[in-house]
């Protein structure tokens, strides 16, 4: 049962009446359409209007793009839709999650490294204020997973770290800011990522914690997010066998993602934790969902199991047909369809979308775009970077560096990402401005057999590694791949006792695992220009390191500390 007057909806009688009357006047096609939140790619007016007319969707998401284009497309969609839309965006690290020119405030782990909940509040404020400026009203954020497995390739810097209380404090601060901006949050990814080293994009991953340990960690976090008033929770394609066994009274013999689990959604999240709001699936084209059940059954089954929104599609026509067919077959019951649609409508009413629809203010005027990367947000982002960049170790007492002692730098960018050129150019340009002579590493062949330690020391005064290894789907590991064989050439940091070597990570914070011999190691957590500027200031000695690591960068290993 839905309590419209309780947390997180708090609807008055007028809004409840809107929910009930809207539902009563909907056709079956419109009710089923409300369940869908697809990614939309076109911005053509006619195509958008036709899409709304055909599918009657309840929500949608655009990947990040130019702010003006996103804003205009949202306006077309909202005007075309009879019922106001939930317009979503992945606002995990700033306004640039929606508008590309928005503020890149910083990855959540950078925010956590500031050790200041005001930084998390500002993350929510910037993300949701800039998102709202282009018409977004639903943030797929914050991430409230716990980073307990340093091998996990998809979570690390997306999280607030490995401490439960820090995750709670930072997550609730984000929610507070989002509510002030009239944006709903979808905390994710229930029942909790960061335990398995595998990625739910690629398979159904497993949270292997026993019931008591889950209650003490993820259970505490989700209870706190619910009490803080998050309007929605995103269910992941993540299994929690201990609770499946608990509710079944026996050992379950298959892996069941939360998105298809009545035990996790209805009994754990609804009944035990008391969540009264909206539950959305994570993206359903992910393998963690697709491999768990045949799609024709899974599409209606995820709603019957307790999810209210079906996120994204493999094929919208096919999925829409599967949902209809599942309803006709009784896989999706009338009761669950009604409950899901009414929770969707209640979420919209809680955001005041029904009132804004009447006033024509669902999407703000173009003047609102001025907030994108405005002076205040720029200042906040610089402060976050300054407070978050972390010196993990400097056991060789290298810092600060100077062009007097370390004039000739060999710079190596590690990783193969689209952002590599930007990162490389930034460090080359800024180190050159500081007075250094910078040589960018070029992949070597077997000619390095003719090189020597003496020749290396004649050419360079410092070797600087910058690891730009980002969290990205379809990457099964976030580790360093070296180019040269053994200790030949200069690709690998074999020369730590021959000359100064520095390692800067602007992505994964765990690279000491693969480079434990490095004596000076810095974590920046993300490759924003704010972070890279702060790194330059700090290695030059103009600014002290202030960051407090939110995770164990030594991976529980003694040898990484030396």
Protein backbone atom coordinates (compact mmCIF):
# COMPACT_ATOMS: atom_id res chain seq x y z
CA UNK A 1 0.00 0.00 0.00
CA UNK A 2 1.08 3.55 -0.74
CA UNK A 3 0.86 6.23 1.94
CA UNK A 4 0.68 9.41 -0.11
CA UNK A 5 0.83 11.64 2.96
CA UNK A 6 3.93 10.00 4.41
CA UNK A 7 7.65 10.26 3.65
CA UNK A 8 8.84 10.80 0.94
CA UNK A 9 5.71 12.09 -0.85
CA UNK A 10 3.99 14.25 1.79
CA UNK A 11 1.10 14.95 -0.58
CA UNK A 12 -1.79 17.16 0.43
CA UNK A 13 -5.39 16.30 -0.46
CA UNK A 14 -5.32 18.26 -3.70
CA UNK A 15 -2.23 16.43 -4.98
CA UNK A 16 -3.64 13.07 -3.92
CA UNK A 17 -6.79 13.89 -5.86
CA UNK A 18 -4.66 14.68 -8.93
CA UNK A 19 -2.94 11.29 -8.64
CA UNK A 20 -6.20 9.38 -8.29
CA UNK A 21 -8.08 11.26 -10.99
CA UNK A 22 -5.17 11.11 -13.42
CA UNK A 23 -4.90 7.36 -12.93
CA UNK A 24 -8.64 6.81 -13.30
CA UNK A 25 -8.64 8.68 -16.62
CA UNK A 26 -5.72 6.81 -18.15
CA UNK A 27 -6.03 4.13 -20.82
CA UNK A 28 -4.19 0.83 -20.46
CA UNK A 29 -1.64 2.00 -23.05
CA UNK A 30 -1.02 5.16 -21.03
CA UNK A 31 -0.63 3.22 -17.78
CA UNK A 32 1.88 0.84 -19.33
CA UNK A 33 3.66 3.74 -21.01
CA UNK A 34 4.17 5.43 -17.64
CA UNK A 35 6.37 2.52 -16.57
CA UNK A 36 9.01 3.33 -19.18
CA UNK A 37 11.95 5.70 -18.89
CA UNK A 38 13.94 5.33 -22.13
CA UNK A 39 17.09 7.05 -23.31
CA UNK A 40 16.12 9.46 -26.08
CA UNK A 41 18.65 10.47 -28.70
CA UNK A 42 16.80 12.63 -31.20
CA UNK A 43 16.09 16.31 -30.59
CA UNK A 44 13.91 16.72 -33.67
CA UNK A 45 10.57 18.27 -32.70
CA UNK A 46 8.37 16.09 -34.89
CA UNK A 47 10.15 12.89 -33.88
CA UNK A 48 9.83 13.76 -30.20
CA UNK A 49 6.14 14.53 -30.49
CA UNK A 50 5.53 11.30 -32.38
CA UNK A 51 7.48 9.36 -29.73
CA UNK A 52 5.36 10.77 -26.91
CA UNK A 53 2.15 10.11 -28.82
CA UNK A 54 3.11 6.50 -29.50
CA UNK A 55 4.52 5.35 -26.15
CA UNK A 56 3.04 7.69 -23.48
CA UNK A 57 6.28 7.37 -21.49
CA UNK A 58 6.50 8.39 -17.83
CA UNK A 59 10.09 9.59 -17.95
CA UNK A 60 13.17 9.87 -20.12
CA UNK A 61 16.89 10.62 -20.12
CA UNK A 62 19.25 12.39 -22.47
CA UNK A 63 22.95 11.71 -22.39
CA UNK A 64 24.89 14.90 -21.69
CA UNK A 65 24.90 17.47 -24.49
CA UNK A 66 24.91 21.24 -25.14
CA UNK A 67 22.75 22.94 -22.51
CA UNK A 68 20.61 24.90 -24.95
CA UNK A 69 19.84 21.78 -27.00
CA UNK A 70 18.95 19.70 -23.93
CA UNK A 71 16.77 22.47 -22.55
CA UNK A 72 14.90 22.94 -25.84
CA UNK A 73 14.31 19.22 -26.27
CA UNK A 74 12.98 18.90 -22.72
CA UNK A 75 10.56 21.73 -23.44
CA UNK A 76 9.26 20.01 -26.58
CA UNK A 77 8.80 16.74 -24.69
CA UNK A 78 7.04 18.31 -21.71
CA UNK A 79 4.68 20.26 -23.94
CA UNK A 80 3.88 17.15 -25.98
CA UNK A 81 3.18 14.94 -22.98
CA UNK A 82 -0.28 14.98 -21.42
CA UNK A 83 1.19 13.95 -18.06
CA UNK A 84 4.39 15.75 -16.99
CA UNK A 85 7.56 13.73 -17.48
CA UNK A 86 10.27 12.71 -15.07
CA UNK A 87 13.35 14.02 -16.87
CA UNK A 88 16.43 12.21 -15.64
CA UNK A 89 20.18 12.74 -15.70
CA UNK A 90 23.22 11.05 -14.16
CA UNK A 91 24.15 13.95 -11.91
CA UNK A 92 26.89 12.15 -10.00
CA UNK A 93 29.70 14.68 -10.33
CA UNK A 94 28.30 18.03 -11.36
CA UNK A 95 26.13 19.90 -13.80
CA UNK A 96 28.13 18.46 -16.70
CA UNK A 97 26.21 15.23 -16.19
CA UNK A 98 23.48 16.95 -18.18
CA UNK A 99 24.92 20.01 -19.96
CA UNK A 100 28.46 19.51 -21.24
CA UNK A 101 29.34 23.10 -20.37
CA UNK A 102 28.13 22.59 -16.81
CA UNK A 103 30.43 22.50 -13.82
CA UNK A 104 32.57 19.40 -13.39
CA UNK A 105 32.58 19.62 -9.60
CA UNK A 106 34.32 16.30 -8.99
CA UNK A 107 33.88 12.59 -8.57
CA UNK A 108 32.26 11.56 -5.31
CA UNK A 109 35.52 10.16 -3.92
CA UNK A 110 37.20 13.56 -4.39
CA UNK A 111 34.29 15.09 -2.50
CA UNK A 112 34.70 12.52 0.28
CA UNK A 113 38.46 13.24 0.45
CA UNK A 114 37.69 16.83 1.48
CA UNK A 115 36.37 15.28 4.71
CA UNK A 116 33.68 17.96 4.69
CA UNK A 117 29.96 17.29 4.23
CA UNK A 118 29.57 20.83 2.89
CA UNK A 119 31.42 19.58 -0.20
CA UNK A 120 28.78 16.90 -0.72
CA UNK A 121 26.03 19.47 -0.23
CA UNK A 122 27.68 21.64 -2.88
CA UNK A 123 27.94 18.65 -5.19
CA UNK A 124 24.19 18.19 -4.89
CA UNK A 125 23.56 21.91 -5.20
CA UNK A 126 25.63 22.36 -8.37
CA UNK A 127 24.47 19.12 -9.98
CA UNK A 128 20.78 19.71 -9.40
CA UNK A 129 20.68 23.48 -9.89
CA UNK A 130 22.48 23.21 -13.23
CA UNK A 131 20.46 20.13 -14.14
CA UNK A 132 17.21 21.94 -13.36
CA UNK A 133 18.34 24.84 -15.57
CA UNK A 134 18.04 22.57 -18.62
CA UNK A 135 14.81 20.95 -17.42
CA UNK A 136 16.05 17.97 -15.39
CA UNK A 137 13.93 17.02 -12.38
CA UNK A 138 15.29 13.54 -11.52
CA UNK A 139 18.91 12.89 -10.53
CA UNK A 140 20.25 9.36 -10.77
CA UNK A 141 22.45 10.16 -7.78
CA UNK A 142 23.99 10.06 -5.29
CA UNK A 143 25.88 6.78 -5.39
CA UNK A 144 25.68 5.31 -1.88
CA UNK A 145 27.63 2.12 -2.52
CA UNK A 146 30.58 1.26 -0.30
CA UNK A 147 33.97 0.82 -1.95
CA UNK A 148 35.09 -2.33 -0.15
CA UNK A 149 36.76 -4.15 -3.06
CA UNK A 150 39.71 -2.40 -4.67
CA UNK A 151 39.46 -4.72 -7.68
CA UNK A 152 35.98 -3.44 -8.61
CA UNK A 153 36.47 -1.55 -11.91
CA UNK A 154 33.25 0.43 -12.01
CA UNK A 155 32.65 1.83 -8.52
CA UNK A 156 35.79 3.20 -6.81
CA UNK A 157 35.83 7.00 -7.46
CA UNK A 158 32.04 7.03 -8.01
CA UNK A 159 31.58 6.30 -4.29
CA UNK A 160 32.10 8.30 -1.12
CA UNK A 161 34.58 5.64 0.01
CA UNK A 162 34.58 2.68 2.36
CA UNK A 163 33.28 4.19 5.60
CA UNK A 164 29.56 3.71 6.28
CA UNK A 165 29.07 6.89 8.30
CA UNK A 166 30.88 9.00 5.72
CA UNK A 167 28.63 7.60 2.98
CA UNK A 168 25.58 8.42 5.11
CA UNK A 169 26.73 11.95 5.88
CA UNK A 170 27.71 12.74 2.29
CA UNK A 171 24.65 11.07 0.76
CA UNK A 172 22.17 12.89 3.00
CA UNK A 173 23.92 16.21 2.31
CA UNK A 174 23.43 15.66 -1.44
CA UNK A 175 19.75 14.80 -0.93
CA UNK A 176 19.23 17.97 1.12
CA UNK A 177 20.63 20.13 -1.69
CA UNK A 178 18.64 18.28 -4.37
CA UNK A 179 15.37 18.80 -2.49
CA UNK A 180 16.11 22.51 -2.24
CA UNK A 181 16.41 22.62 -6.03
CA UNK A 182 13.17 20.68 -6.60
CA UNK A 183 14.99 17.65 -8.01
CA UNK A 184 14.23 14.06 -6.99
CA UNK A 185 17.14 11.81 -6.08
CA UNK A 186 17.51 8.15 -7.04
CA UNK A 187 20.10 6.78 -4.63
CA UNK A 188 21.88 3.76 -6.05
CA UNK A 189 22.57 0.83 -6.43
CA UNK A 190 20.38 -1.22 -4.07
CA UNK A 191 21.19 -3.68 -2.47
CA UNK A 192 24.72 -2.33 -2.75
CA UNK A 193 27.68 -2.47 -5.09
CA UNK A 194 31.35 -2.47 -4.12
CA UNK A 195 31.68 -5.93 -2.53
CA UNK A 196 32.01 -7.96 -5.72
CA UNK A 197 34.99 -7.22 -7.95
CA UNK A 198 32.77 -7.68 -11.00
CA UNK A 199 30.60 -5.16 -12.80
CA UNK A 200 26.81 -5.53 -13.05
CA UNK A 201 26.98 -4.00 -16.53
CA UNK A 202 28.61 -7.25 -17.64
CA UNK A 203 26.93 -9.90 -15.45
CA UNK A 204 24.70 -10.25 -12.42
CA UNK A 205 27.11 -9.29 -9.66
CA UNK A 206 26.79 -10.47 -6.07
CA UNK A 207 26.77 -8.69 -2.74
CA UNK A 208 28.10 -11.57 -0.65
CA UNK A 209 27.64 -10.04 2.80
CA UNK A 210 25.77 -12.11 5.40
CA UNK A 211 22.53 -10.65 6.75
CA UNK A 212 24.07 -9.14 9.89
CA UNK A 213 26.95 -7.50 8.02
CA UNK A 214 24.59 -6.13 5.37
CA UNK A 215 22.33 -4.68 8.05
CA UNK A 216 25.31 -2.96 9.70
CA UNK A 217 26.51 -1.41 6.44
CA UNK A 218 24.22 -1.08 3.43
CA UNK A 219 21.14 -1.49 5.60
CA UNK A 220 22.19 1.49 7.74
CA UNK A 221 22.92 3.54 4.63
CA UNK A 222 19.60 2.86 2.92
CA UNK A 223 17.67 3.44 6.12
CA UNK A 224 19.38 6.83 6.43
CA UNK A 225 18.67 7.74 2.79
CA UNK A 226 15.01 6.81 3.26
CA UNK A 227 14.76 8.91 6.42
CA UNK A 228 16.44 11.80 4.56
CA UNK A 229 13.53 11.73 2.11
CA UNK A 230 14.93 10.38 -1.12
CA UNK A 231 11.99 10.15 -3.50
CA UNK A 232 13.39 7.15 -5.35
CA UNK A 233 15.86 4.29 -5.09
CA UNK A 234 17.55 2.59 -8.01
CA UNK A 235 17.66 -1.20 -7.81
CA UNK A 236 20.78 -2.74 -9.30
CA UNK A 237 21.26 -5.99 -11.14
CA UNK A 238 22.99 -7.18 -8.00
CA UNK A 239 22.12 -10.30 -6.05
CA UNK A 240 22.05 -10.57 -2.25
CA UNK A 241 21.99 -14.33 -1.57
CA UNK A 242 22.00 -14.03 2.22
CA UNK A 243 18.64 -12.28 2.24
CA UNK A 244 17.20 -14.52 -0.47
CA UNK A 245 18.07 -17.51 1.72
CA UNK A 246 16.71 -15.74 4.80
CA UNK A 247 13.32 -15.03 3.27
CA UNK A 248 13.02 -18.39 1.50
CA UNK A 249 14.10 -20.32 4.59
CA UNK A 250 16.52 -22.34 2.52
CA UNK A 251 19.58 -21.92 0.30
CA UNK A 252 18.53 -20.46 -3.06
CA UNK A 253 20.13 -22.25 -6.00
CA UNK A 254 20.27 -19.37 -8.49
CA UNK A 255 21.54 -15.82 -8.75
CA UNK A 256 18.64 -13.35 -8.64
CA UNK A 257 19.29 -9.66 -9.30
CA UNK A 258 17.44 -7.24 -7.06
CA UNK A 259 15.53 -5.99 -10.10
CA UNK A 260 13.79 -9.38 -10.33
CA UNK A 261 13.58 -10.21 -6.64
CA UNK A 262 10.33 -9.80 -4.67
CA UNK A 263 12.28 -10.75 -1.56
CA UNK A 264 14.70 -7.84 -1.89
CA UNK A 265 12.26 -5.27 -3.22
CA UNK A 266 9.06 -6.02 -1.34
CA UNK A 267 10.25 -7.69 1.86
CA UNK A 268 13.62 -6.03 2.47
CA UNK A 269 13.31 -2.58 0.90
CA UNK A 270 9.58 -1.98 1.37
CA UNK A 271 8.71 -3.91 4.53
CA UNK A 272 11.89 -4.02 6.60
CA UNK A 273 13.48 -0.71 5.61
CA UNK A 274 10.12 1.02 5.20
CA UNK A 275 10.64 2.64 1.81
CA UNK A 276 7.40 4.19 0.56
CA UNK A 277 8.79 5.94 -2.53
CA UNK A 278 9.55 5.07 -6.13
CA UNK A 279 11.77 2.15 -7.15
CA UNK A 280 13.40 2.24 -10.55
CA UNK A 281 15.45 -0.46 -12.19
CA UNK A 282 18.98 0.27 -13.27
CA UNK A 283 19.50 0.22 -17.05
CA UNK A 284 17.81 -2.92 -18.38
CA UNK A 285 20.11 -3.42 -21.40
CA UNK A 286 22.85 -4.27 -18.88
CA UNK A 287 23.93 -7.89 -18.97
CA UNK A 288 23.22 -8.23 -15.24
CA UNK A 289 19.53 -7.97 -16.12
CA UNK A 290 19.50 -9.60 -19.55
CA UNK A 291 21.25 -12.81 -18.47
CA UNK A 292 19.02 -13.43 -15.46
CA UNK A 293 15.85 -14.35 -17.34
CA UNK A 294 14.38 -14.38 -20.84
CA UNK A 295 13.48 -10.79 -21.69
CA UNK A 296 9.84 -11.41 -22.54
CA UNK A 297 9.32 -12.62 -18.98
CA UNK A 298 11.78 -10.25 -17.32
CA UNK A 299 10.22 -7.04 -18.66
CA UNK A 300 6.85 -7.47 -16.89
CA UNK A 301 8.36 -9.51 -14.06
CA UNK A 302 10.58 -6.65 -12.85
CA UNK A 303 7.46 -4.52 -12.28
CA UNK A 304 5.59 -7.40 -10.66
CA UNK A 305 8.61 -8.04 -8.42
CA UNK A 306 8.44 -4.52 -7.03
CA UNK A 307 10.11 -2.04 -9.40
CA UNK A 308 7.93 0.86 -10.53
CA UNK A 309 9.96 2.19 -13.46
CA UNK A 310 11.59 0.26 -16.30
CA UNK A 311 14.81 2.05 -17.15
CA UNK A 312 16.05 2.19 -20.76
CA UNK A 313 15.43 -0.40 -23.47
CA UNK A 314 17.12 -2.82 -25.79
CA UNK A 315 14.34 -2.11 -28.28
CA UNK A 316 11.48 0.14 -27.20
CA UNK A 317 8.93 -1.47 -29.52
CA UNK A 318 9.79 -4.96 -28.34
CA UNK A 319 9.93 -4.04 -24.64
CA UNK A 320 6.63 -2.16 -24.88
CA UNK A 321 5.05 -5.22 -26.50
CA UNK A 322 6.58 -7.51 -23.86
CA UNK A 323 5.05 -5.38 -21.09
CA UNK A 324 1.62 -5.52 -22.74
CA UNK A 325 1.90 -9.23 -23.35
CA UNK A 326 3.03 -9.84 -19.76
CA UNK A 327 -0.01 -7.97 -18.50
CA UNK A 328 -2.31 -9.99 -20.74
CA UNK A 329 -0.73 -13.24 -19.51
CA UNK A 330 -1.03 -12.25 -15.87
CA UNK A 331 2.71 -11.97 -15.24
CA UNK A 332 2.07 -8.31 -14.43
CA UNK A 333 -0.98 -8.04 -12.21
CA UNK A 334 -3.55 -5.25 -12.09
CA UNK A 335 -2.57 -4.53 -8.50
CA UNK A 336 1.10 -4.06 -9.26
CA UNK A 337 0.41 -2.01 -12.39
CA UNK A 338 -1.83 0.33 -10.39
CA UNK A 339 0.66 0.60 -7.52
CA UNK A 340 3.59 1.31 -9.83
CA UNK A 341 1.77 3.95 -11.88
CA UNK A 342 0.40 5.68 -8.80
CA UNK A 343 3.88 5.82 -7.26
CA UNK A 344 5.14 7.40 -10.47
CA UNK A 345 2.32 9.95 -10.39
CA UNK A 346 2.87 10.59 -6.68
CA UNK A 347 6.55 11.30 -7.34
CA UNK A 348 5.54 13.82 -9.99
CA UNK A 349 3.04 15.41 -7.63
CA UNK A 350 5.63 15.59 -4.85
CA UNK A 351 7.86 17.54 -7.22
CA UNK A 352 4.96 19.81 -8.11
CA UNK A 353 5.14 18.81 -11.77
CA UNK A 354 1.36 18.82 -12.13
CA UNK A 355 1.23 22.46 -11.00
CA UNK A 356 4.19 23.43 -13.16
CA UNK A 357 2.51 21.76 -16.12
CA UNK A 358 -0.49 24.07 -15.73
CA UNK A 359 1.74 27.12 -15.41
CA UNK A 360 4.01 26.13 -18.29
CA UNK A 361 7.10 26.20 -16.05
CA UNK A 362 8.27 22.58 -16.24
CA UNK A 363 11.29 23.82 -18.18
CA UNK A 364 12.72 27.19 -17.08
CA UNK A 365 13.35 30.13 -19.38
CA UNK A 366 16.61 30.28 -21.32
CA UNK A 367 17.90 32.83 -18.83
CA UNK A 368 18.35 29.97 -16.34
CA UNK A 369 21.21 28.62 -18.45
CA UNK A 370 23.41 31.38 -17.05
CA UNK A 371 23.92 29.25 -13.95
CA UNK A 372 25.95 26.69 -15.93
CA UNK A 373 29.54 26.89 -14.67
CA UNK A 374 28.77 30.25 -13.06
CA UNK A 375 31.35 32.08 -10.97
CA UNK A 376 30.12 30.69 -7.65
CA UNK A 377 30.09 27.10 -8.90
CA UNK A 378 33.52 27.53 -10.44
CA UNK A 379 34.82 28.79 -7.09
CA UNK A 380 33.26 25.87 -5.22
CA UNK A 381 34.80 23.37 -7.62
CA UNK A 382 38.26 24.89 -7.17
CA UNK A 383 37.86 24.72 -3.41
CA UNK A 384 36.76 21.08 -3.57
CA UNK A 385 39.79 20.14 -5.65
CA UNK A 386 42.12 22.05 -3.34
CA UNK A 387 40.71 20.28 -0.28
CA UNK A 388 40.41 16.83 -1.87
CA UNK A 389 43.67 16.10 -3.72
CA UNK A 390 45.50 13.62 -1.49
CA UNK A 391 49.18 12.92 -0.93
CA UNK A 392 49.26 9.19 -0.25
CA UNK A 393 52.99 8.97 0.35
CA UNK A 394 56.29 10.76 -0.29
CA UNK A 395 58.83 8.50 1.37
CA UNK A 396 61.65 9.90 -0.78
CA UNK A 397 60.91 13.49 0.35
CA UNK A 398 60.71 14.60 -3.27
CA UNK A 399 58.13 17.35 -2.85
CA UNK A 400 58.03 20.13 -3.74
CA UNK A 401 59.59 19.85 -7.16
CA UNK A 402 61.24 22.76 -8.96
CA UNK A 403 62.70 23.50 -12.41
CA UNK A 404 66.03 24.06 -10.68
CA UNK A 405 66.30 20.50 -9.36
CA UNK A 406 64.03 18.68 -11.79
CA UNK A 407 64.30 20.65 -15.02
CA UNK A 408 63.92 17.73 -17.44
CA UNK A 409 60.73 15.72 -16.94
CA UNK A 410 59.78 12.53 -18.74
CA UNK A 411 55.96 12.52 -18.70
CA UNK A 412 54.01 9.30 -19.20
CA UNK A 413 50.20 9.18 -19.51
CA UNK A 414 48.87 5.77 -18.53
CA UNK A 415 45.52 4.50 -19.80
CA UNK A 416 43.74 4.52 -23.13
CA UNK A 417 40.78 6.86 -22.88
CA UNK A 418 39.33 9.64 -25.02
CA UNK A 419 40.38 12.13 -22.37
CA UNK A 420 44.07 11.20 -22.64
CA UNK A 421 44.92 13.98 -25.09
CA UNK A 422 43.25 16.58 -22.87
CA UNK A 423 45.05 15.33 -19.77
CA UNK A 424 48.40 15.12 -21.52
CA UNK A 425 48.07 18.60 -23.02
CA UNK A 426 47.17 20.05 -19.63
CA UNK A 427 50.24 18.65 -17.88
CA UNK A 428 52.61 19.46 -20.74
CA UNK A 429 51.37 23.04 -21.04
CA UNK A 430 51.28 23.78 -17.33
CA UNK A 431 54.60 22.13 -16.46
CA UNK A 432 56.20 24.01 -19.34
CA UNK A 433 54.79 27.28 -17.98
CA UNK A 434 56.39 26.42 -14.65
CA UNK A 435 59.78 26.30 -16.38
CA UNK A 436 60.23 22.55 -16.91
CA UNK A 437 61.39 20.89 -20.11
CA UNK A 438 58.80 18.17 -20.72
CA UNK A 439 59.34 15.11 -22.90
CA UNK A 440 56.27 12.98 -23.55
CA UNK A 441 56.94 9.25 -23.49
CA UNK A 442 56.73 7.49 -26.84
CA UNK A 443 56.28 3.74 -26.93
CA UNK A 444 59.60 1.96 -27.29
CA UNK A 445 60.66 -1.17 -29.11
CA UNK A 446 63.60 -3.51 -28.54
CA UNK A 447 66.01 -0.69 -29.31
CA UNK A 448 65.86 0.02 -25.58
CA UNK A 449 68.32 -2.87 -25.15
CA UNK A 450 70.99 -0.34 -26.12
CA UNK A 451 69.97 2.13 -23.42
CA UNK A 452 71.60 2.34 -19.99
CA UNK A 453 71.00 3.76 -16.55
CA UNK A 454 73.70 6.35 -17.12
CA UNK A 455 72.11 7.55 -20.38
CA UNK A 456 68.68 7.75 -18.73
CA UNK A 457 70.05 9.94 -15.94
CA UNK A 458 71.78 12.14 -18.49
CA UNK A 459 68.46 12.82 -20.26
CA UNK A 460 66.00 13.31 -17.37
CA UNK A 461 65.83 14.66 -13.83
CA UNK A 462 62.36 13.32 -12.99
CA UNK A 463 60.01 10.65 -14.33
CA UNK A 464 56.34 11.57 -13.86
CA UNK A 465 53.55 9.03 -14.38
CA UNK A 466 50.00 10.36 -14.74
CA UNK A 467 47.43 7.55 -14.64
CA UNK A 468 44.24 8.55 -16.44
CA UNK A 469 42.34 5.30 -15.91
CA UNK A 470 38.68 6.18 -15.56
CA UNK A 471 35.72 4.14 -14.36
CA UNK A 472 33.97 3.00 -17.52
CA UNK A 473 31.50 0.32 -18.53
CA UNK A 474 32.83 -2.83 -20.24
CA UNK A 475 36.27 -2.53 -18.63
CA UNK A 476 36.65 -5.65 -16.51
CA UNK A 477 39.63 -4.22 -14.65
CA UNK A 478 40.95 -0.74 -13.84
CA UNK A 479 44.59 -1.74 -13.67
CA UNK A 480 47.78 -0.53 -15.33
CA UNK A 481 48.94 -2.24 -18.50
CA UNK A 482 52.64 -1.64 -19.18
CA UNK A 483 54.03 -1.43 -22.69
CA UNK A 484 57.61 -2.61 -22.42
CA UNK A 485 58.89 -6.02 -21.38
CA UNK A 486 60.37 -6.41 -17.90
CA UNK A 487 62.33 -3.32 -16.81
CA UNK A 488 63.46 -2.44 -20.28
CA UNK A 489 63.00 1.15 -21.45
CA UNK A 490 61.24 3.71 -19.25
CA UNK A 491 57.61 2.65 -19.38
CA UNK A 492 57.71 0.84 -16.04
CA UNK A 493 58.93 2.54 -12.84
CA UNK A 494 61.94 0.29 -12.34
CA UNK A 495 64.24 3.32 -11.84
CA UNK A 496 62.98 4.44 -8.43
CA UNK A 497 66.46 4.09 -6.88
CA UNK A 498 68.18 5.71 -9.85
CA UNK A 499 66.26 8.99 -9.99
CA UNK A 500 63.12 10.75 -8.67
CA UNK A 501 59.85 9.15 -9.76
CA UNK A 502 56.39 10.60 -9.13
CA UNK A 503 52.99 9.01 -9.71
CA UNK A 504 49.77 11.02 -10.03
CA UNK A 505 46.42 9.29 -10.45
CA UNK A 506 43.51 11.29 -11.83
CA UNK A 507 41.27 8.23 -11.81
CA UNK A 508 41.45 4.90 -9.97
CA UNK A 509 42.98 5.50 -6.49
CA UNK A 510 44.47 2.02 -6.13
CA UNK A 511 47.40 2.10 -8.57
CA UNK A 512 49.98 1.45 -5.85
CA UNK A 513 48.87 -2.16 -6.21
CA UNK A 514 50.64 -2.23 -9.58
CA UNK A 515 53.36 0.29 -8.76
CA UNK A 516 54.26 -0.28 -5.10
CA UNK A 517 57.88 0.72 -5.70
CA UNK A 518 56.89 4.34 -6.38
CA UNK A 519 57.85 6.53 -3.43
CA UNK A 520 55.72 9.60 -4.21
CA UNK A 521 52.06 8.93 -4.96
CA UNK A 522 49.18 11.39 -5.31
CA UNK A 523 45.46 10.71 -5.75
CA UNK A 524 43.34 13.29 -7.57
CA UNK A 525 40.33 10.98 -8.08
CA UNK A 526 39.18 12.67 -11.31
CA UNK A 527 40.63 14.41 -14.35
CA UNK A 528 38.82 17.74 -14.14
CA UNK A 529 40.90 20.84 -14.81
CA UNK A 530 40.18 21.90 -11.25
CA UNK A 531 41.90 18.80 -9.92
CA UNK A 532 44.81 18.94 -12.33
CA UNK A 533 45.40 22.63 -11.49
CA UNK A 534 45.34 21.78 -7.79
CA UNK A 535 47.87 19.00 -8.37
CA UNK A 536 50.25 21.41 -10.11
CA UNK A 537 49.95 23.93 -7.26
CA UNK A 538 50.61 21.26 -4.66
CA UNK A 539 53.60 19.55 -6.29
CA UNK A 540 55.14 23.02 -6.76
CA UNK A 541 54.69 23.71 -3.07
CA UNK A 542 52.29 26.63 -3.43
CA UNK A 543 49.47 24.81 -1.66
CA UNK A 544 49.54 22.13 1.06
CA UNK A 545 47.94 18.73 0.55
CA UNK A 546 44.66 18.64 2.49
CA UNK A 547 42.88 15.52 1.24
CA UNK A 548 42.08 12.65 3.59
CA UNK A 549 41.84 9.34 1.75
CA UNK A 550 38.29 7.90 1.88
CA UNK A 551 39.64 4.41 1.16
CA UNK A 552 42.79 2.41 1.91
CA UNK A 553 45.07 3.24 -1.05
CA UNK A 554 47.50 0.62 0.23
CA UNK A 555 44.92 -2.12 -0.39
CA UNK A 556 45.63 -3.67 3.00
CA UNK A 557 49.21 -4.47 1.96
CA UNK A 558 52.30 -3.46 3.90
CA UNK A 559 54.62 -3.41 0.88
CA UNK A 560 52.69 -0.56 -0.76
CA UNK A 561 53.50 1.79 2.11
CA UNK A 562 57.27 1.94 1.69
